Amino acid sequence: MTQLAHIAAHAATERLAIFGALHLTPADGLPEGLQTLLLLGPAEPGFWAHLCAAPEWQDGAPDPVDRWSRRVIGAMACGLGAKAYFPFGGPPYHPFYQWALRSGRAFASPVTLLVHDQAGLFVSYRGAIALHERLELPDGPALSPCDRCAEKPCLAACPPRALTDAGYDVPACHRFLDTPAGSGCLSRGCIVRRACPLSQAYGRVEEQSAYHMRLFHR
């Protein structure tokens, strides 16, 4: 088993998957000697039930998902003699969007959000592990999945036109969520993200989307 496969198997025990990997350069600004970055995201189906059974979810304290991520991914990194990085906790924030694009497994979608070759528009990153070893990495897809999506339903999915190829009008999104028509996005997840065929096949449960939407709209 290669080291990459070994790490993937370990991550799977916590319902995480390697959502992409890249070789680091000095321009990334991370400590000298770190060579390979692994991006970790929820492995579906099953991630949300696993997280909800964890002590961070059960103790009633704030930010259970972030605290779980720090504990689990931090422990994985320590066991590998590596460093853990997270998309939260800033400013400053680590460039997860750019890292995702460089991994070759995520792309800018027609609605400007990241789209992932497996998770679609439901892609999220719980953290990353930076290794001192320079691992041999598999090639990512040659093309964005959006290039093979003829209908591109994401472009017309947003009722208030807050999320289109022109970008994301966040105030318009919040105004829509305050209306009865926006209740579906709050309870089931963003309608644009749900419109993506890859998202529909990913297995993310609506309870997870509702949780993140509540945090976004509070």
Foldseek 3Di string as FASTA:
>chain_A
DDPQVVLQVLLVVQQKGFQFKDFDDVVQVDDPLFTMKTWIWGQPDPNVVSQCVDVLNVVPDPDSLLVVLCVSVVVSQVVQVWDKAAQDDDVVGRPVVVRSVNRQQWDQALLRQIQGVQQGSNTDTSIMITHSDNDDDDHHDPDDVNVVVVPLVLQVFDPQNQGHSVYHNLVSLLVCCVDPNNVCCLQQNDRSRCVDPSNVVRHDGRVVRNVVSVVSND
